[in-house]
């Protein structure tokens, strides 16, 4: 399940703090989805470009798991960083 996580739009954040935030995000995402990170992410990306009627039940179920898992991971990643309105974690499938 190779994928990358990078914190975006958080100017002035020291590199070590950025790397720690990305690691917290990744650990939380792995905990929420386990080995399913890659298929859930891919299903969510397909769902974002499609209508619900175009998805199989399996793909819809996979895609539906992404928002909650991402939100949990985002909360963990931003812990101790403070506020940054434009900041987000970018996740890319490997």
N, C-alpha and C. Protein backbone atom coordinates (compact mmCIF):
# COMPACT_ATOMS: atom_id res chain seq x y z
N UNK A 1 0.82 -1.19 0.00
CA UNK A 1 0.00 0.00 0.00
C UNK A 1 0.86 1.25 0.00
N UNK A 2 1.67 1.41 -1.02
CA UNK A 2 2.51 2.60 -1.07
C UNK A 2 1.69 3.85 -1.37
N UNK A 3 1.83 4.83 -0.53
CA UNK A 3 1.21 6.13 -0.79
C UNK A 3 2.05 7.18 -0.09
N UNK A 4 1.91 8.42 -0.53
CA UNK A 4 2.66 9.50 0.07
C UNK A 4 1.72 10.50 0.71
N UNK A 5 2.21 11.14 1.75
CA UNK A 5 1.47 12.18 2.46
C UNK A 5 2.36 13.41 2.51
N UNK A 6 1.81 14.55 2.16
CA UNK A 6 2.58 15.78 2.31
C UNK A 6 1.66 16.89 2.81
N UNK A 7 2.16 17.62 3.78
CA UNK A 7 1.43 18.76 4.33
C UNK A 7 1.63 19.94 3.40
N UNK A 8 0.55 20.56 2.99
CA UNK A 8 0.57 21.65 2.03
C UNK A 8 0.04 22.94 2.67
N UNK A 9 0.52 24.06 2.15
CA UNK A 9 0.00 25.39 2.51
C UNK A 9 0.12 25.70 4.00
N UNK A 10 1.26 25.37 4.60
CA UNK A 10 1.52 25.72 5.99
C UNK A 10 2.85 26.45 6.04
N UNK A 11 2.85 27.72 5.61
CA UNK A 11 4.10 28.47 5.51
C UNK A 11 4.76 28.69 6.88
N UNK A 12 6.07 28.66 6.87
CA UNK A 12 6.84 28.94 8.08
C UNK A 12 6.98 27.79 9.04
N UNK A 13 6.40 26.66 8.72
CA UNK A 13 6.50 25.50 9.60
C UNK A 13 7.87 24.86 9.43
N UNK A 14 8.61 24.65 10.53
CA UNK A 14 9.91 23.99 10.41
C UNK A 14 9.77 22.58 9.83
N UNK A 15 10.79 22.15 9.09
CA UNK A 15 10.75 20.87 8.40
C UNK A 15 10.49 19.71 9.36
N UNK A 16 11.12 19.71 10.54
CA UNK A 16 10.91 18.60 11.47
C UNK A 16 9.47 18.56 11.97
N UNK A 17 8.84 19.70 12.19
CA UNK A 17 7.44 19.74 12.62
C UNK A 17 6.53 19.26 11.49
N UNK A 18 6.88 19.60 10.26
CA UNK A 18 6.10 19.13 9.11
C UNK A 18 6.18 17.61 9.00
N UNK A 19 7.37 17.08 9.11
CA UNK A 19 7.56 15.63 9.00
C UNK A 19 6.83 14.89 10.13
N UNK A 20 6.86 15.44 11.33
CA UNK A 20 6.14 14.81 12.44
C UNK A 20 4.64 14.83 12.19
N UNK A 21 4.12 15.94 11.68
CA UNK A 21 2.70 16.04 11.37
C UNK A 21 2.30 15.02 10.30
N UNK A 22 3.14 14.88 9.28
CA UNK A 22 2.86 13.90 8.22
C UNK A 22 2.90 12.48 8.76
N UNK A 23 3.81 12.20 9.67
CA UNK A 23 3.88 10.87 10.28
C UNK A 23 2.65 10.59 11.14
N UNK A 24 2.21 11.59 11.92
CA UNK A 24 0.99 11.41 12.73
C UNK A 24 -0.21 11.14 11.83
N UNK A 25 -0.31 11.92 10.75
CA UNK A 25 -1.40 11.73 9.79
C UNK A 25 -1.38 10.32 9.24
N UNK A 26 -0.22 9.88 8.78
CA UNK A 26 -0.09 8.56 8.17
C UNK A 26 -0.43 7.44 9.16
N UNK A 27 0.07 7.55 10.38
CA UNK A 27 -0.25 6.52 11.39
C UNK A 27 -1.74 6.44 11.64
N UNK A 28 -2.39 7.59 11.76
CA UNK A 28 -3.84 7.61 12.00
C UNK A 28 -4.61 7.05 10.81
N UNK A 29 -4.17 7.37 9.60
CA UNK A 29 -4.83 6.84 8.41
C UNK A 29 -4.65 5.34 8.32
N UNK A 30 -3.44 4.87 8.59
CA UNK A 30 -3.18 3.42 8.59
C UNK A 30 -4.02 2.72 9.66
N UNK A 31 -4.15 3.35 10.81
CA UNK A 31 -4.95 2.74 11.88
C UNK A 31 -6.43 2.67 11.48
N UNK A 32 -6.91 3.70 10.83
CA UNK A 32 -8.33 3.74 10.44
C UNK A 32 -8.65 2.78 9.30
N UNK A 33 -7.73 2.65 8.34
CA UNK A 33 -8.03 1.86 7.15
C UNK A 33 -7.20 0.60 6.98
N UNK A 34 -6.13 0.48 7.73
CA UNK A 34 -5.28 -0.70 7.62
C UNK A 34 -4.73 -0.86 6.21
N UNK A 35 -4.80 -2.06 5.70
CA UNK A 35 -4.29 -2.37 4.36
C UNK A 35 -5.17 -1.82 3.24
N UNK A 36 -6.28 -1.20 3.61
CA UNK A 36 -7.22 -0.71 2.59
C UNK A 36 -6.98 0.72 2.15
N UNK A 37 -5.91 1.37 2.62
CA UNK A 37 -5.69 2.78 2.27
C UNK A 37 -5.72 2.97 0.76
N UNK A 38 -4.93 2.21 0.04
CA UNK A 38 -4.83 2.39 -1.41
C UNK A 38 -6.17 2.17 -2.12
N UNK A 39 -6.85 1.04 -1.88
CA UNK A 39 -8.13 0.86 -2.59
C UNK A 39 -9.20 1.86 -2.18
N UNK A 40 -9.21 2.27 -0.92
CA UNK A 40 -10.19 3.27 -0.48
C UNK A 40 -9.90 4.61 -1.13
N UNK A 41 -8.64 5.01 -1.15
CA UNK A 41 -8.26 6.27 -1.78
C UNK A 41 -8.62 6.25 -3.27
N UNK A 42 -8.28 5.18 -3.95
CA UNK A 42 -8.58 5.09 -5.39
C UNK A 42 -10.10 5.12 -5.65
N UNK A 43 -10.86 4.42 -4.83
CA UNK A 43 -12.32 4.42 -4.98
C UNK A 43 -12.88 5.82 -4.73
N UNK A 44 -12.33 6.53 -3.76
CA UNK A 44 -12.79 7.88 -3.48
C UNK A 44 -12.48 8.81 -4.65
N UNK A 45 -11.30 8.66 -5.24
CA UNK A 45 -10.93 9.48 -6.39
C UNK A 45 -11.86 9.21 -7.57
N UNK A 46 -12.18 7.95 -7.82
CA UNK A 46 -13.11 7.60 -8.90
C UNK A 46 -14.49 8.16 -8.60
N UNK A 47 -14.92 8.03 -7.35
CA UNK A 47 -16.24 8.52 -6.96
C UNK A 47 -16.34 10.04 -7.10
N UNK A 48 -15.24 10.72 -6.85
CA UNK A 48 -15.23 12.18 -6.96
C UNK A 48 -15.44 12.63 -8.40
N UNK A 49 -15.05 11.78 -9.33
CA UNK A 49 -15.19 12.10 -10.75
C UNK A 49 -16.41 11.45 -11.40
N UNK A 50 -17.24 10.79 -10.61
CA UNK A 50 -18.38 10.05 -11.14
C UNK A 50 -19.64 10.40 -10.35
N UNK A 51 -20.76 9.91 -10.83
CA UNK A 51 -21.99 10.02 -10.05
C UNK A 51 -22.20 8.71 -9.30
N UNK A 52 -22.99 8.75 -8.28
CA UNK A 52 -23.23 7.57 -7.44
C UNK A 52 -23.78 6.41 -8.26
N UNK A 53 -24.56 6.72 -9.28
CA UNK A 53 -25.15 5.66 -10.11
C UNK A 53 -24.10 4.90 -10.92
N UNK A 54 -22.96 5.53 -11.16
CA UNK A 54 -21.91 4.91 -11.96
C UNK A 54 -21.01 3.98 -11.15
N UNK A 55 -21.16 3.98 -9.85
CA UNK A 55 -20.29 3.17 -8.99
C UNK A 55 -20.94 1.85 -8.61
N UNK A 56 -20.11 0.84 -8.49
CA UNK A 56 -20.60 -0.43 -7.96
C UNK A 56 -20.83 -0.24 -6.46
N UNK A 57 -21.58 -1.16 -5.86
CA UNK A 57 -21.83 -1.08 -4.42
C UNK A 57 -20.52 -1.19 -3.65
N UNK A 58 -19.63 -2.05 -4.14
CA UNK A 58 -18.33 -2.22 -3.48
C UNK A 58 -17.51 -0.93 -3.54
N UNK A 59 -17.44 -0.31 -4.72
CA UNK A 59 -16.69 0.94 -4.85
C UNK A 59 -17.31 2.05 -4.02
N UNK A 60 -18.63 2.11 -3.98
CA UNK A 60 -19.31 3.11 -3.18
C UNK A 60 -18.98 2.92 -1.70
N UNK A 61 -18.99 1.67 -1.24
CA UNK A 61 -18.68 1.39 0.16
C UNK A 61 -17.23 1.77 0.48
N UNK A 62 -16.32 1.44 -0.42
CA UNK A 62 -14.92 1.81 -0.21
C UNK A 62 -14.76 3.33 -0.17
N UNK A 63 -15.34 4.00 -1.14
CA UNK A 63 -15.22 5.46 -1.22
C UNK A 63 -15.82 6.15 0.00
N UNK A 64 -16.87 5.58 0.52
CA UNK A 64 -17.54 6.17 1.69
C UNK A 64 -16.68 6.13 2.94
N UNK A 65 -15.71 5.24 2.98
CA UNK A 65 -14.84 5.13 4.16
C UNK A 65 -13.80 6.24 4.21
N UNK A 66 -13.50 6.87 3.07
CA UNK A 66 -12.43 7.86 3.01
C UNK A 66 -12.66 9.12 3.85
N UNK A 67 -13.80 9.80 3.75
CA UNK A 67 -13.96 11.06 4.49
C UNK A 67 -13.75 10.93 6.00
N UNK A 68 -14.30 9.92 6.60
CA UNK A 68 -14.14 9.74 8.05
C UNK A 68 -12.69 9.44 8.40
N UNK A 69 -12.05 8.55 7.64
CA UNK A 69 -10.65 8.20 7.91
C UNK A 69 -9.75 9.42 7.71
N UNK A 70 -9.98 10.18 6.66
CA UNK A 70 -9.18 11.37 6.40
C UNK A 70 -9.36 12.39 7.53
N UNK A 71 -10.58 12.59 7.98
CA UNK A 71 -10.84 13.54 9.04
C UNK A 71 -10.13 13.15 10.33
N UNK A 72 -10.16 11.87 10.67
CA UNK A 72 -9.43 11.39 11.86
C UNK A 72 -7.93 11.62 11.70
N UNK A 73 -7.41 11.32 10.54
CA UNK A 73 -5.98 11.49 10.28
C UNK A 73 -5.60 12.97 10.28
N UNK A 74 -6.44 13.80 9.71
CA UNK A 74 -6.17 15.24 9.69
C UNK A 74 -6.11 15.81 11.10
N UNK A 75 -7.03 15.39 11.94
CA UNK A 75 -7.03 15.84 13.34
C UNK A 75 -5.73 15.44 14.02
N UNK A 76 -5.31 14.20 13.81
CA UNK A 76 -4.05 13.73 14.41
C UNK A 76 -2.86 14.50 13.83
N UNK A 77 -2.86 14.72 12.55
CA UNK A 77 -1.75 15.41 11.91
C UNK A 77 -1.59 16.85 12.37
N UNK A 78 -2.69 17.55 12.55
CA UNK A 78 -2.63 18.95 12.95
C UNK A 78 -2.47 19.15 14.46
N UNK A 79 -2.53 18.08 15.21
CA UNK A 79 -2.35 18.20 16.66
C UNK A 79 -1.04 18.92 16.96
N UNK A 80 -1.06 19.88 17.83
CA UNK A 80 0.11 20.64 18.29
C UNK A 80 0.64 21.64 17.26
N UNK A 81 0.01 21.81 16.12
CA UNK A 81 0.52 22.73 15.12
C UNK A 81 -0.09 24.12 15.19
N UNK A 82 -1.27 24.23 15.74
CA UNK A 82 -1.96 25.51 15.71
C UNK A 82 -2.77 25.64 14.44
N UNK A 83 -3.29 26.82 14.23
CA UNK A 83 -4.20 27.04 13.11
C UNK A 83 -3.47 27.46 11.85
N UNK A 84 -3.94 26.97 10.74
CA UNK A 84 -3.49 27.37 9.42
C UNK A 84 -4.67 27.12 8.48
N UNK A 85 -5.37 28.17 8.15
CA UNK A 85 -6.63 28.04 7.42
C UNK A 85 -6.52 27.32 6.10
N UNK A 86 -5.47 27.53 5.37
CA UNK A 86 -5.33 26.95 4.03
C UNK A 86 -4.65 25.59 4.03
N UNK A 87 -4.10 25.17 5.16
CA UNK A 87 -3.30 23.94 5.22
C UNK A 87 -4.16 22.69 5.03
N UNK A 88 -3.55 21.70 4.37
CA UNK A 88 -4.21 20.41 4.17
C UNK A 88 -3.15 19.34 3.93
N UNK A 89 -3.56 18.10 4.11
CA UNK A 89 -2.69 16.97 3.82
C UNK A 89 -3.05 16.42 2.45
N UNK A 90 -2.06 16.33 1.60
CA UNK A 90 -2.25 15.74 0.29
C UNK A 90 -1.82 14.28 0.36
N UNK A 91 -2.69 13.40 -0.11
CA UNK A 91 -2.40 11.97 -0.11
C UNK A 91 -2.42 11.51 -1.56
N UNK A 92 -1.35 10.85 -1.95
CA UNK A 92 -1.25 10.35 -3.33
C UNK A 92 -0.97 8.85 -3.30
N UNK A 93 -1.73 8.15 -4.11
CA UNK A 93 -1.52 6.71 -4.25
C UNK A 93 -0.19 6.47 -4.94
N UNK A 94 0.49 5.43 -4.51
CA UNK A 94 1.80 5.12 -5.09
C UNK A 94 1.66 4.37 -6.34
